[in-house]
Amino acid sequence: MPNIRIIAIFAVIIIVAAAGLAWPFLSNVKPIFLVPIQASQWHMGKGSEYNPEMIYQVSFNNTNLSTDLKFLPIQGGNQSLLVMISPSDGSKKINQTVPIELVYDFVDVSSDTKPYFDVLDQTIFSMRDYATDDKYLAKDAEWGDLYIGANHVTLKVTDSGKMSFGFGSANAYLLSYRIGAHINKIWIVDNLPIPVKSEIYDPDGNLQYTFELVSLKAPSTPGLTP
Protein backbone atom coordinates (compact mmCIF):
# COMPACT_ATOMS: atom_id res chain seq x y z
CA MET A 1 0.00 0.00 0.00
CA PRO A 2 2.78 2.55 0.82
CA ASN A 3 4.36 1.86 -2.58
CA ILE A 4 1.05 2.52 -4.33
CA ARG A 5 0.72 5.85 -2.51
CA ILE A 6 4.24 6.85 -3.50
CA ILE A 7 3.55 5.97 -7.15
CA ALA A 8 0.27 7.92 -7.09
CA ILE A 9 1.94 11.00 -5.58
CA PHE A 10 4.77 10.76 -8.11
CA ALA A 11 2.22 10.55 -10.97
CA VAL A 12 0.41 13.65 -9.71
CA ILE A 13 3.73 15.54 -9.53
CA ILE A 14 4.53 14.57 -13.12
CA ILE A 15 1.06 15.67 -14.35
CA VAL A 16 1.30 19.03 -12.55
CA ALA A 17 4.81 19.61 -13.89
CA ALA A 18 3.75 18.74 -17.44
CA ALA A 19 0.76 21.08 -17.19
CA GLY A 20 3.04 23.85 -15.99
CA LEU A 21 5.35 23.38 -18.95
CA ALA A 22 2.50 23.20 -21.44
CA TRP A 23 0.50 26.15 -20.11
CA PRO A 24 2.51 28.94 -21.85
CA PHE A 25 1.82 27.23 -25.16
CA LEU A 26 -1.80 26.29 -24.47
CA SER A 27 -2.64 29.80 -23.23
CA ASN A 28 -1.68 31.23 -26.62
CA VAL A 29 -3.76 28.77 -28.62
CA LYS A 30 -6.80 30.53 -30.10
CA PRO A 31 -10.13 28.68 -30.00
CA ILE A 32 -11.05 27.09 -33.30
CA PHE A 33 -13.98 28.72 -35.07
CA LEU A 34 -16.30 26.09 -36.47
CA VAL A 35 -18.02 27.33 -39.62
CA PRO A 36 -21.72 26.47 -39.78
CA ILE A 37 -22.42 24.10 -42.66
CA GLN A 38 -25.02 26.47 -44.13
CA ALA A 39 -22.81 29.59 -43.90
CA SER A 40 -22.57 31.62 -47.07
CA GLN A 41 -19.37 33.28 -48.24
CA TRP A 42 -18.79 36.81 -49.56
CA HIS A 43 -16.07 38.53 -51.53
CA MET A 44 -15.71 41.99 -53.01
CA GLY A 45 -17.87 42.10 -56.13
CA LYS A 46 -20.15 39.17 -55.28
CA GLY A 47 -23.52 39.74 -56.94
CA SER A 48 -22.32 42.30 -59.48
CA GLU A 49 -23.55 39.98 -62.23
CA TYR A 50 -27.12 40.78 -61.15
CA ASN A 51 -26.53 44.39 -62.23
CA PRO A 52 -27.64 46.30 -59.13
CA GLU A 53 -27.83 50.08 -59.04
CA MET A 54 -26.66 51.48 -55.70
CA ILE A 55 -26.81 55.09 -54.51
CA TYR A 56 -24.61 56.10 -51.58
CA GLN A 57 -24.10 59.09 -49.33
CA VAL A 58 -20.39 59.45 -48.54
CA SER A 59 -18.54 61.63 -46.05
CA PHE A 60 -14.73 61.59 -46.08
CA ASN A 61 -12.75 64.18 -44.13
CA ASN A 62 -14.21 67.47 -45.48
CA THR A 63 -15.71 65.96 -48.64
CA ASN A 64 -19.36 65.02 -48.89
CA LEU A 65 -20.94 63.54 -51.97
CA SER A 66 -23.65 61.34 -53.38
CA THR A 67 -22.67 58.62 -55.82
CA ASP A 68 -24.82 56.44 -58.06
CA LEU A 69 -23.07 53.16 -58.93
CA LYS A 70 -24.63 51.11 -61.70
CA PHE A 71 -23.16 47.68 -62.44
CA LEU A 72 -23.60 47.20 -66.18
CA PRO A 73 -24.30 43.87 -67.94
CA ILE A 74 -21.27 41.68 -68.61
CA GLN A 75 -20.03 41.89 -72.20
CA GLY A 76 -17.31 39.67 -73.61
CA GLY A 77 -16.53 38.33 -70.14
CA ASN A 78 -15.87 41.82 -68.77
CA GLN A 79 -18.01 44.13 -66.67
CA SER A 80 -18.06 47.90 -66.32
CA LEU A 81 -19.35 50.27 -63.69
CA LEU A 82 -21.19 53.50 -64.46
CA VAL A 83 -20.22 56.01 -61.78
CA MET A 84 -22.27 59.17 -61.32
CA ILE A 85 -21.06 61.54 -58.60
CA SER A 86 -22.86 64.60 -57.24
CA PRO A 87 -20.62 66.72 -54.94
CA SER A 88 -22.52 68.39 -52.10
CA ASP A 89 -20.80 71.74 -52.76
CA GLY A 90 -22.61 72.14 -56.07
CA SER A 91 -19.58 71.33 -58.23
CA LYS A 92 -20.08 69.82 -61.66
CA LYS A 93 -21.55 66.32 -61.60
CA ILE A 94 -19.25 63.48 -62.61
CA ASN A 95 -20.32 60.80 -65.05
CA GLN A 96 -17.83 58.13 -66.11
CA THR A 97 -17.88 54.44 -67.02
CA VAL A 98 -14.90 52.41 -65.79
CA PRO A 99 -13.95 48.73 -66.20
CA ILE A 100 -14.23 46.62 -63.07
CA GLU A 101 -10.95 44.98 -62.08
CA LEU A 102 -10.52 42.21 -59.52
CA VAL A 103 -9.44 44.62 -56.80
CA TYR A 104 -11.74 47.52 -57.78
CA ASP A 105 -8.78 49.78 -58.41
CA PHE A 106 -9.83 52.49 -60.87
CA VAL A 107 -6.70 54.08 -62.29
CA ASP A 108 -7.84 55.06 -65.78
CA VAL A 109 -10.00 58.03 -64.84
CA SER A 110 -10.01 61.62 -66.07
CA SER A 111 -8.10 64.28 -64.16
CA ASP A 112 -11.26 66.11 -63.07
CA THR A 113 -12.84 62.92 -61.69
CA LYS A 114 -9.72 61.52 -59.97
CA PRO A 115 -10.18 63.40 -56.64
CA TYR A 116 -13.66 61.93 -56.31
CA PHE A 117 -12.56 58.44 -57.32
CA ASP A 118 -9.83 58.74 -54.67
CA VAL A 119 -12.58 59.33 -52.08
CA LEU A 120 -14.53 56.27 -53.28
CA ASP A 121 -11.31 54.26 -53.31
CA GLN A 122 -10.68 55.00 -49.62
CA THR A 123 -14.30 54.48 -48.52
CA ILE A 124 -16.80 52.34 -50.45
CA PHE A 125 -14.17 50.28 -52.27
CA SER A 126 -11.74 49.91 -49.35
CA MET A 127 -13.03 46.40 -48.56
CA ARG A 128 -10.95 45.14 -51.47
CA ASP A 129 -8.05 45.21 -48.99
CA TYR A 130 -9.70 42.51 -46.88
CA ALA A 131 -12.04 40.45 -49.03
CA THR A 132 -10.92 39.82 -52.59
CA ASP A 133 -11.24 36.11 -51.73
CA ASP A 134 -14.19 34.36 -50.07
CA LYS A 135 -14.91 35.14 -46.41
CA TYR A 136 -17.50 33.39 -44.27
CA LEU A 137 -20.69 35.21 -43.34
CA ALA A 138 -21.21 33.76 -39.88
CA LYS A 139 -21.00 35.25 -36.40
CA ASP A 140 -17.46 35.12 -34.96
CA ALA A 141 -15.94 34.36 -38.38
CA GLU A 142 -12.57 36.13 -38.61
CA TRP A 143 -11.73 38.05 -41.81
CA GLY A 144 -8.10 38.80 -41.06
CA ASP A 145 -5.67 40.86 -39.00
CA LEU A 146 -5.39 44.62 -39.33
CA TYR A 147 -2.36 46.72 -38.44
CA ILE A 148 -3.41 50.33 -37.86
CA GLY A 149 -0.64 52.46 -36.44
CA ALA A 150 0.50 50.66 -33.28
CA ASN A 151 -2.75 48.72 -33.11
CA HIS A 152 -3.11 45.06 -34.08
CA VAL A 153 -6.74 44.02 -34.28
CA THR A 154 -8.84 41.30 -35.88
CA LEU A 155 -11.69 42.06 -38.26
CA LYS A 156 -14.55 39.65 -37.55
CA VAL A 157 -18.30 39.21 -37.88
CA THR A 158 -19.83 40.34 -34.59
CA ASP A 159 -23.56 40.42 -35.38
CA SER A 160 -26.06 39.29 -38.00
CA GLY A 161 -29.78 39.44 -38.68
CA LYS A 162 -32.42 41.77 -40.05
CA MET A 163 -31.13 45.35 -39.99
CA SER A 164 -32.39 48.71 -41.21
CA PHE A 165 -30.50 51.01 -43.58
CA GLY A 166 -31.21 54.07 -45.68
CA PHE A 167 -32.39 51.88 -48.57
CA GLY A 168 -34.61 49.67 -46.38
CA SER A 169 -34.26 46.48 -44.34
CA ALA A 170 -32.19 43.42 -45.21
CA ASN A 171 -30.45 40.46 -43.63
CA ALA A 172 -26.96 41.79 -42.96
CA TYR A 173 -23.69 41.00 -41.24
CA LEU A 174 -21.81 43.45 -39.05
CA LEU A 175 -18.02 43.38 -39.20
CA SER A 176 -16.22 45.32 -36.50
CA TYR A 177 -12.96 45.98 -34.69
CA ARG A 178 -12.04 48.31 -31.84
CA ILE A 179 -9.56 51.18 -32.11
CA GLY A 180 -9.17 52.93 -28.77
CA ALA A 181 -12.56 54.04 -27.46
CA HIS A 182 -14.33 53.52 -30.77
CA ILE A 183 -15.63 50.48 -32.59
CA ASN A 184 -15.21 50.61 -36.35
CA LYS A 185 -18.12 49.04 -38.20
CA ILE A 186 -18.79 47.67 -41.68
CA TRP A 187 -22.11 46.20 -42.79
CA ILE A 188 -22.34 43.53 -45.52
CA VAL A 189 -25.42 42.17 -47.30
CA ASP A 190 -24.90 38.88 -49.10
CA ASN A 191 -25.07 39.09 -52.92
CA LEU A 192 -24.50 42.85 -52.93
CA PRO A 193 -21.03 43.53 -54.38
CA ILE A 194 -19.87 46.20 -51.91
CA PRO A 195 -20.65 47.04 -48.27
CA VAL A 196 -23.91 48.86 -47.59
CA LYS A 197 -22.66 50.97 -44.68
CA SER A 198 -19.49 51.83 -42.79
CA GLU A 199 -18.34 53.99 -39.89
CA ILE A 200 -14.58 54.24 -39.47
CA TYR A 201 -12.43 56.14 -36.94
CA ASP A 202 -8.69 56.81 -37.05
CA PRO A 203 -6.31 55.82 -34.18
CA ASP A 204 -6.74 59.28 -32.61
CA GLY A 205 -10.50 58.80 -32.30
CA ASN A 206 -11.47 61.13 -35.14
CA LEU A 207 -14.26 60.05 -37.46
CA GLN A 208 -12.44 59.29 -40.69
CA TYR A 209 -15.35 58.45 -42.98
CA THR A 210 -18.88 57.16 -43.21
CA PHE A 211 -20.98 55.91 -46.09
CA GLU A 212 -24.40 54.36 -46.44
CA LEU A 213 -26.47 52.86 -49.21
CA VAL A 214 -29.60 55.03 -49.39
CA SER A 215 -31.24 53.67 -52.55
CA LEU A 216 -31.09 50.24 -54.15
CA LYS A 217 -32.44 48.79 -57.40
CA ALA A 218 -31.66 45.08 -57.48
CA PRO A 219 -34.69 43.19 -58.83
CA SER A 220 -32.63 40.17 -59.90
CA THR A 221 -30.45 39.82 -56.80
CA PRO A 222 -31.13 36.60 -54.81
CA GLY A 223 -32.36 37.19 -51.29
CA LEU A 224 -33.57 40.71 -52.02
CA THR A 225 -36.46 39.97 -54.35
CA PRO A 226 -40.00 39.99 -52.93
C-alpha atoms as a PDB file:
ATOM      1  CA  MET A   1       0.000   0.000   0.000  1.00  0.00           C
ATOM      2  CA  PRO A   2       2.785   2.547   0.817  1.00  0.00           C
ATOM      3  CA  ASN A   3       4.364   1.859  -2.576  1.00  0.00           C
ATOM      4  CA  ILE A   4       1.053   2.521  -4.334  1.00  0.00           C
ATOM      5  CA  ARG A   5       0.718   5.850  -2.509  1.00  0.00           C
ATOM      6  CA  ILE A   6       4.236   6.853  -3.503  1.00  0.00           C
ATOM      7  CA  ILE A   7       3.545   5.971  -7.154  1.00  0.00           C
ATOM      8  CA  ALA A   8       0.267   7.919  -7.090  1.00  0.00           C
ATOM      9  CA  ILE A   9       1.936  11.001  -5.584  1.00  0.00           C
ATOM     10  CA  PHE A  10       4.766  10.762  -8.108  1.00  0.00           C
ATOM     11  CA  ALA A  11       2.223  10.553 -10.969  1.00  0.00           C
ATOM     12  CA  VAL A  12       0.412  13.648  -9.705  1.00  0.00           C
ATOM     13  CA  ILE A  13       3.727  15.542  -9.529  1.00  0.00           C
ATOM     14  CA  ILE A  14       4.526  14.572 -13.122  1.00  0.00           C
ATOM     15  CA  ILE A  15       1.055  15.673 -14.352  1.00  0.00           C
ATOM     16  CA  VAL A  16       1.303  19.026 -12.553  1.00  0.00           C
ATOM     17  CA  ALA A  17       4.808  19.611 -13.893  1.00  0.00           C
ATOM     18  CA  ALA A  18       3.745  18.745 -17.443  1.00  0.00           C
ATOM     19  CA  ALA A  19       0.756  21.079 -17.189  1.00  0.00           C
ATOM     20  CA  GLY A  20       3.038  23.847 -15.989  1.00  0.00           C
ATOM     21  CA  LEU A  21       5.352  23.381 -18.947  1.00  0.00           C
ATOM     22  CA  ALA A  22       2.499  23.199 -21.437  1.00  0.00           C
ATOM     23  CA  TRP A  23       0.501  26.154 -20.107  1.00  0.00           C
ATOM     24  CA  PRO A  24       2.509  28.944 -21.851  1.00  0.00           C
ATOM     25  CA  PHE A  25       1.825  27.230 -25.165  1.00  0.00           C
ATOM     26  CA  LEU A  26      -1.796  26.295 -24.467  1.00  0.00           C
ATOM     27  CA  SER A  27      -2.635  29.797 -23.232  1.00  0.00           C
ATOM     28  CA  ASN A  28      -1.679  31.232 -26.624  1.00  0.00           C
ATOM     29  CA  VAL A  29      -3.764  28.775 -28.624  1.00  0.00           C
ATOM     30  CA  LYS A  30      -6.797  30.527 -30.101  1.00  0.00           C
ATOM     31  CA  PRO A  31     -10.128  28.685 -30.002  1.00  0.00           C
ATOM     32  CA  ILE A  32     -11.054  27.092 -33.298  1.00  0.00           C
ATOM     33  CA  PHE A  33     -13.984  28.720 -35.067  1.00  0.00           C
ATOM     34  CA  LEU A  34     -16.302  26.086 -36.473  1.00  0.00           C
ATOM     35  CA  VAL A  35     -18.017  27.333 -39.624  1.00  0.00           C
ATOM     36  CA  PRO A  36     -21.724  26.468 -39.779  1.00  0.00           C
ATOM     37  CA  ILE A  37     -22.425  24.102 -42.660  1.00  0.00           C
ATOM     38  CA  GLN A  38     -25.020  26.467 -44.127  1.00  0.00           C
ATOM     39  CA  ALA A  39     -22.813  29.586 -43.900  1.00  0.00           C
ATOM     40  CA  SER A  40     -22.573  31.623 -47.071  1.00  0.00           C
ATOM     41  CA  GLN A  41     -19.373  33.285 -48.245  1.00  0.00           C
ATOM     42  CA  TRP A  42     -18.788  36.807 -49.564  1.00  0.00           C
ATOM     43  CA  HIS A  43     -16.074  38.532 -51.525  1.00  0.00           C
ATOM     44  CA  MET A  44     -15.709  41.986 -53.012  1.00  0.00           C
ATOM     45  CA  GLY A  45     -17.867  42.098 -56.131  1.00  0.00           C
ATOM     46  CA  LYS A  46     -20.146  39.174 -55.283  1.00  0.00           C
ATOM     47  CA  GLY A  47     -23.516  39.737 -56.939  1.00  0.00           C
ATOM     48  CA  SER A  48     -22.323  42.305 -59.476  1.00  0.00           C
ATOM     49  CA  GLU A  49     -23.551  39.981 -62.232  1.00  0.00           C
ATOM     50  CA  TYR A  50     -27.119  40.779 -61.152  1.00  0.00           C
ATOM     51  CA  ASN A  51     -26.529  44.393 -62.228  1.00  0.00           C
ATOM     52  CA  PRO A  52     -27.638  46.300 -59.127  1.00  0.00           C
ATOM     53  CA  GLU A  53     -27.827  50.081 -59.043  1.00  0.00           C
ATOM     54  CA  MET A  54     -26.664  51.476 -55.701  1.00  0.00           C
ATOM     55  CA  ILE A  55     -26.812  55.087 -54.513  1.00  0.00           C
ATOM     56  CA  TYR A  56     -24.605  56.097 -51.579  1.00  0.00           C
ATOM     57  CA  GLN A  57     -24.103  59.091 -49.329  1.00  0.00           C
ATOM     58  CA  VAL A  58     -20.393  59.447 -48.540  1.00  0.00           C
ATOM     59  CA  SER A  59     -18.535  61.635 -46.054  1.00  0.00           C
ATOM     60  CA  PHE A  60     -14.732  61.589 -46.080  1.00  0.00           C
ATOM     61  CA  ASN A  61     -12.755  64.184 -44.135  1.00  0.00           C
ATOM     62  CA  ASN A  62     -14.208  67.467 -45.484  1.00  0.00           C
ATOM     63  CA  THR A  63     -15.707  65.957 -48.643  1.00  0.00           C
ATOM     64  CA  ASN A  64     -19.365  65.020 -48.891  1.00  0.00           C
ATOM     65  CA  LEU A  65     -20.944  63.545 -51.975  1.00  0.00           C
ATOM     66  CA  SER A  66     -23.652  61.335 -53.378  1.00  0.00           C
ATOM     67  CA  THR A  67     -22.673  58.618 -55.824  1.00  0.00           C
ATOM     68  CA  ASP A  68     -24.817  56.436 -58.059  1.00  0.00           C
ATOM     69  CA  LEU A  69     -23.069  53.156 -58.927  1.00  0.00           C
ATOM     70  CA  LYS A  70     -24.632  51.106 -61.703  1.00  0.00           C
ATOM     71  CA  PHE A  71     -23.164  47.684 -62.442  1.00  0.00           C
ATOM     72  CA  LEU A  72     -23.595  47.198 -66.183  1.00  0.00           C
ATOM     73  CA  PRO A  73     -24.298  43.867 -67.938  1.00  0.00           C
ATOM     74  CA  ILE A  74     -21.271  41.682 -68.615  1.00  0.00           C
ATOM     75  CA  GLN A  75     -20.027  41.889 -72.197  1.00  0.00           C
ATOM     76  CA  GLY A  76     -17.307  39.672 -73.614  1.00  0.00           C
ATOM     77  CA  GLY A  77     -16.533  38.330 -70.137  1.00  0.00           C
ATOM     78  CA  ASN A  78     -15.867  41.818 -68.768  1.00  0.00           C
ATOM     79  CA  GLN A  79     -18.010  44.126 -66.672  1.00  0.00           C
ATOM     80  CA  SER A  80     -18.061  47.903 -66.321  1.00  0.00           C
ATOM     81  CA  LEU A  81     -19.354  50.267 -63.686  1.00  0.00           C
ATOM     82  CA  LEU A  82     -21.187  53.498 -64.461  1.00  0.00           C
ATOM     83  CA  VAL A  83     -20.219  56.007 -61.776  1.00  0.00           C
ATOM     84  CA  MET A  84     -22.275  59.165 -61.320  1.00  0.00           C
ATOM     85  CA  ILE A  85     -21.060  61.541 -58.605  1.00  0.00           C
ATOM     86  CA  SER A  86     -22.856  64.601 -57.240  1.00  0.00           C
ATOM     87  CA  PRO A  87     -20.616  66.719 -54.944  1.00  0.00           C
ATOM     88  CA  SER A  88     -22.525  68.386 -52.102  1.00  0.00           C
ATOM     89  CA  ASP A  89     -20.802  71.741 -52.761  1.00  0.00           C
ATOM     90  CA  GLY A  90     -22.607  72.135 -56.072  1.00  0.00           C
ATOM     91  CA  SER A  91     -19.582  71.327 -58.230  1.00  0.00           C
ATOM     92  CA  LYS A  92     -20.083  69.819 -61.659  1.00  0.00           C
ATOM     93  CA  LYS A  93     -21.551  66.322 -61.602  1.00  0.00           C
ATOM     94  CA  ILE A  94     -19.251  63.479 -62.613  1.00  0.00           C
ATOM     95  CA  ASN A  95     -20.324  60.796 -65.053  1.00  0.00           C
ATOM     96  CA  GLN A  96     -17.827  58.133 -66.107  1.00  0.00           C
ATOM     97  CA  THR A  97     -17.879  54.436 -67.023  1.00  0.00           C
ATOM     98  CA  VAL A  98     -14.901  52.408 -65.791  1.00  0.00           C
ATOM     99  CA  PRO A  99     -13.945  48.733 -66.198  1.00  0.00           C
ATOM    100  CA  ILE A 100     -14.227  46.617 -63.066  1.00  0.00           C
ATOM    101  CA  GLU A 101     -10.949  44.985 -62.075  1.00  0.00           C
ATOM    102  CA  LEU A 102     -10.524  42.207 -59.516  1.00  0.00           C
ATOM    103  CA  VAL A 103      -9.437  44.620 -56.797  1.00  0.00           C
ATOM    104  CA  TYR A 104     -11.737  47.515 -57.781  1.00  0.00           C
ATOM    105  CA  ASP A 105      -8.780  49.776 -58.411  1.00  0.00           C
ATOM    106  CA  PHE A 106      -9.832  52.487 -60.866  1.00  0.00           C
ATOM    107  CA  VAL A 107      -6.702  54.082 -62.288  1.00  0.00           C
ATOM    108  CA  ASP A 108      -7.836  55.056 -65.781  1.00  0.00           C
ATOM    109  CA  VAL A 109     -10.001  58.032 -64.838  1.00  0.00           C
ATOM    110  CA  SER A 110     -10.008  61.616 -66.069  1.00  0.00           C
ATOM    111  CA  SER A 111      -8.095  64.275 -64.156  1.00  0.00           C
ATOM    112  CA  ASP A 112     -11.256  66.113 -63.065  1.00  0.00           C
ATOM    113  CA  THR A 113     -12.840  62.922 -61.690  1.00  0.00           C
ATOM    114  CA  LYS A 114      -9.723  61.520 -59.974  1.00  0.00           C
ATOM    115  CA  PRO A 115     -10.175  63.401 -56.637  1.00  0.00           C
ATOM    116  CA  TYR A 116     -13.662  61.930 -56.309  1.00  0.00           C
ATOM    117  CA  PHE A 117     -12.555  58.439 -57.320  1.00  0.00           C
ATOM    118  CA  ASP A 118      -9.833  58.740 -54.667  1.00  0.00           C
ATOM    119  CA  VAL A 119     -12.578  59.333 -52.084  1.00  0.00           C
ATOM    120  CA  LEU A 120     -14.525  56.272 -53.280  1.00  0.00           C
ATOM    121  CA  ASP A 121     -11.306  54.258 -53.312  1.00  0.00           C
ATOM    122  CA  GLN A 122     -10.682  55.002 -49.616  1.00  0.00           C
ATOM    123  CA  THR A 123     -14.300  54.479 -48.524  1.00  0.00           C
ATOM    124  CA  ILE A 124     -16.800  52.342 -50.452  1.00  0.00           C
ATOM    125  CA  PHE A 125     -14.169  50.281 -52.268  1.00  0.00           C
ATOM    126  CA  SER A 126     -11.737  49.915 -49.348  1.00  0.00           C
ATOM    127  CA  MET A 127     -13.029  46.397 -48.558  1.00  0.00           C
ATOM    128  CA  ARG A 128     -10.948  45.136 -51.471  1.00  0.00           C
ATOM    129  CA  ASP A 129      -8.049  45.211 -48.989  1.00  0.00           C
ATOM    130  CA  TYR A 130      -9.700  42.507 -46.875  1.00  0.00           C
ATOM    131  CA  ALA A 131     -12.045  40.453 -49.033  1.00  0.00           C
ATOM    132  CA  THR A 132     -10.918  39.816 -52.592  1.00  0.00           C
ATOM    133  CA  ASP A 133     -11.243  36.108 -51.733  1.00  0.00           C
ATOM    134  CA  ASP A 134     -14.186  34.358 -50.066  1.00  0.00           C
ATOM    135  CA  LYS A 135     -14.906  35.137 -46.405  1.00  0.00           C
ATOM    136  CA  TYR A 136     -17.499  33.393 -44.266  1.00  0.00           C
ATOM    137  CA  LEU A 137     -20.691  35.206 -43.335  1.00  0.00           C
ATOM    138  CA  ALA A 138     -21.212  33.759 -39.877  1.00  0.00           C
ATOM    139  CA  LYS A 139     -20.997  35.254 -36.399  1.00  0.00           C
ATOM    140  CA  ASP A 140     -17.458  35.118 -34.957  1.00  0.00           C
ATOM    141  CA  ALA A 141     -15.939  34.357 -38.378  1.00  0.00           C
ATOM    142  CA  GLU A 142     -12.573  36.134 -38.611  1.00  0.00           C
ATOM    143  CA  TRP A 143     -11.734  38.051 -41.807  1.00  0.00           C
ATOM    144  CA  GLY A 144      -8.103  38.804 -41.061  1.00  0.00           C
ATOM    145  CA  ASP A 145      -5.671  40.857 -38.998  1.00  0.00           C
ATOM    146  CA  LEU A 146      -5.394  44.624 -39.334  1.00  0.00           C
ATOM    147  CA  TYR A 147      -2.362  46.721 -38.437  1.00  0.00           C
ATOM    148  CA  ILE A 148      -3.411  50.325 -37.864  1.00  0.00           C
ATOM    149  CA  GLY A 149      -0.640  52.463 -36.439  1.00  0.00           C
ATOM    150  CA  ALA A 150       0.501  50.661 -33.280  1.00  0.00           C
ATOM    151  CA  ASN A 151      -2.754  48.717 -33.114  1.00  0.00           C
ATOM    152  CA  HIS A 152      -3.106  45.058 -34.081  1.00  0.00           C
ATOM    153  CA  VAL A 153      -6.743  44.021 -34.277  1.00  0.00           C
ATOM    154  CA  THR A 154      -8.844  41.301 -35.883  1.00  0.00           C
ATOM    155  CA  LEU A 155     -11.691  42.061 -38.263  1.00  0.00           C
ATOM    156  CA  LYS A 156     -14.548  39.653 -37.554  1.00  0.00           C
ATOM    157  CA  VAL A 157     -18.299  39.209 -37.881  1.00  0.00           C
ATOM    158  CA  THR A 158     -19.830  40.339 -34.593  1.00  0.00           C
ATOM    159  CA  ASP A 159     -23.559  40.417 -35.383  1.00  0.00           C
ATOM    160  CA  SER A 160     -26.062  39.285 -37.997  1.00  0.00           C
ATOM    161  CA  GLY A 161     -29.776  39.437 -38.682  1.00  0.00           C
ATOM    162  CA  LYS A 162     -32.417  41.773 -40.049  1.00  0.00           C
ATOM    163  CA  MET A 163     -31.126  45.346 -39.994  1.00  0.00           C
ATOM    164  CA  SER A 164     -32.393  48.713 -41.206  1.00  0.00           C
ATOM    165  CA  PHE A 165     -30.501  51.008 -43.581  1.00  0.00           C
ATOM    166  CA  GLY A 166     -31.206  54.067 -45.679  1.00  0.00           C
ATOM    167  CA  PHE A 167     -32.388  51.878 -48.569  1.00  0.00           C
ATOM    168  CA  GLY A 168     -34.614  49.667 -46.385  1.00  0.00           C
ATOM    169  CA  SER A 169     -34.259  46.483 -44.341  1.00  0.00           C
ATOM    170  CA  ALA A 170     -32.191  43.419 -45.212  1.00  0.00           C
ATOM    171  CA  ASN A 171     -30.450  40.457 -43.632  1.00  0.00           C
ATOM    172  CA  ALA A 172     -26.965  41.795 -42.956  1.00  0.00           C
ATOM    173  CA  TYR A 173     -23.686  40.995 -41.245  1.00  0.00           C
ATOM    174  CA  LEU A 174     -21.811  43.447 -39.050  1.00  0.00           C
ATOM    175  CA  LEU A 175     -18.016  43.378 -39.197  1.00  0.00           C
ATOM    176  CA  SER A 176     -16.219  45.320 -36.502  1.00  0.00           C
ATOM    177  CA  TYR A 177     -12.961  45.983 -34.688  1.00  0.00           C
ATOM    178  CA  ARG A 178     -12.040  48.308 -31.838  1.00  0.00           C
ATOM    179  CA  ILE A 179      -9.559  51.177 -32.109  1.00  0.00           C
ATOM    180  CA  GLY A 180      -9.171  52.931 -28.774  1.00  0.00           C
ATOM    181  CA  ALA A 181     -12.558  54.039 -27.457  1.00  0.00           C
ATOM    182  CA  HIS A 182     -14.334  53.517 -30.774  1.00  0.00           C
ATOM    183  CA  ILE A 183     -15.634  50.478 -32.591  1.00  0.00           C
ATOM    184  CA  ASN A 184     -15.207  50.608 -36.349  1.00  0.00           C
ATOM    185  CA  LYS A 185     -18.123  49.044 -38.202  1.00  0.00           C
ATOM    186  CA  ILE A 186     -18.791  47.674 -41.677  1.00  0.00           C
ATOM    187  CA  TRP A 187     -22.113  46.201 -42.785  1.00  0.00           C
ATOM    188  CA  ILE A 188     -22.340  43.533 -45.515  1.00  0.00           C
ATOM    189  CA  VAL A 189     -25.424  42.172 -47.301  1.00  0.00           C
ATOM    190  CA  ASP A 190     -24.897  38.883 -49.103  1.00  0.00           C
ATOM    191  CA  ASN A 191     -25.074  39.094 -52.916  1.00  0.00           C
ATOM    192  CA  LEU A 192     -24.500  42.846 -52.927  1.00  0.00           C
ATOM    193  CA  PRO A 193     -21.027  43.533 -54.381  1.00  0.00           C
ATOM    194  CA  ILE A 194     -19.870  46.203 -51.912  1.00  0.00           C
ATOM    195  CA  PRO A 195     -20.649  47.042 -48.265  1.00  0.00           C
ATOM    196  CA  VAL A 196     -23.909  48.856 -47.585  1.00  0.00           C
ATOM    197  CA  LYS A 197     -22.658  50.970 -44.683  1.00  0.00           C
ATOM    198  CA  SER A 198     -19.491  51.826 -42.793  1.00  0.00           C
ATOM    199  CA  GLU A 199     -18.343  53.992 -39.887  1.00  0.00           C
ATOM    200  CA  ILE A 200     -14.575  54.244 -39.471  1.00  0.00           C
ATOM    201  CA  TYR A 201     -12.425  56.142 -36.941  1.00  0.00           C
ATOM    202  CA  ASP A 202      -8.686  56.806 -37.049  1.00  0.00           C
ATOM    203  CA  PRO A 203      -6.307  55.816 -34.179  1.00  0.00           C
ATOM    204  CA  ASP A 204      -6.736  59.278 -32.613  1.00  0.00           C
ATOM    205  CA  GLY A 205     -10.496  58.798 -32.297  1.00  0.00           C
ATOM    206  CA  ASN A 206     -11.467  61.126 -35.141  1.00  0.00           C
ATOM    207  CA  LEU A 207     -14.259  60.052 -37.458  1.00  0.00           C
ATOM    208  CA  GLN A 208     -12.436  59.286 -40.694  1.00  0.00           C
ATOM    209  CA  TYR A 209     -15.353  58.448 -42.977  1.00  0.00           C
ATOM    210  CA  THR A 210     -18.883  57.156 -43.212  1.00  0.00           C
ATOM    211  CA  PHE A 211     -20.976  55.912 -46.095  1.00  0.00           C
ATOM    212  CA  GLU A 212     -24.404  54.361 -46.444  1.00  0.00           C
ATOM    213  CA  LEU A 213     -26.471  52.860 -49.208  1.00  0.00           C
ATOM    214  CA  VAL A 214     -29.601  55.029 -49.389  1.00  0.00           C
ATOM    215  CA  SER A 215     -31.245  53.665 -52.548  1.00  0.00           C
ATOM    216  CA  LEU A 216     -31.094  50.245 -54.153  1.00  0.00           C
ATOM    217  CA  LYS A 217     -32.442  48.794 -57.396  1.00  0.00           C
ATOM    218  CA  ALA A 218     -31.659  45.083 -57.480  1.00  0.00           C
ATOM    219  CA  PRO A 219     -34.691  43.190 -58.830  1.00  0.00           C
ATOM    220  CA  SER A 220     -32.627  40.166 -59.897  1.00  0.00           C
ATOM    221  CA  THR A 221     -30.451  39.815 -56.802  1.00  0.00           C
ATOM    222  CA  PRO A 222     -31.130  36.601 -54.810  1.00  0.00           C
ATOM    223  CA  GLY A 223     -32.361  37.192 -51.291  1.00  0.00           C
ATOM    224  CA  LEU A 224     -33.574  40.710 -52.023  1.00  0.00           C
ATOM    225  CA  THR A 225     -36.459  39.969 -54.354  1.00  0.00           C
ATOM    226  CA  PRO A 226     -39.996  39.988 -52.935  1.00  0.00           C
END
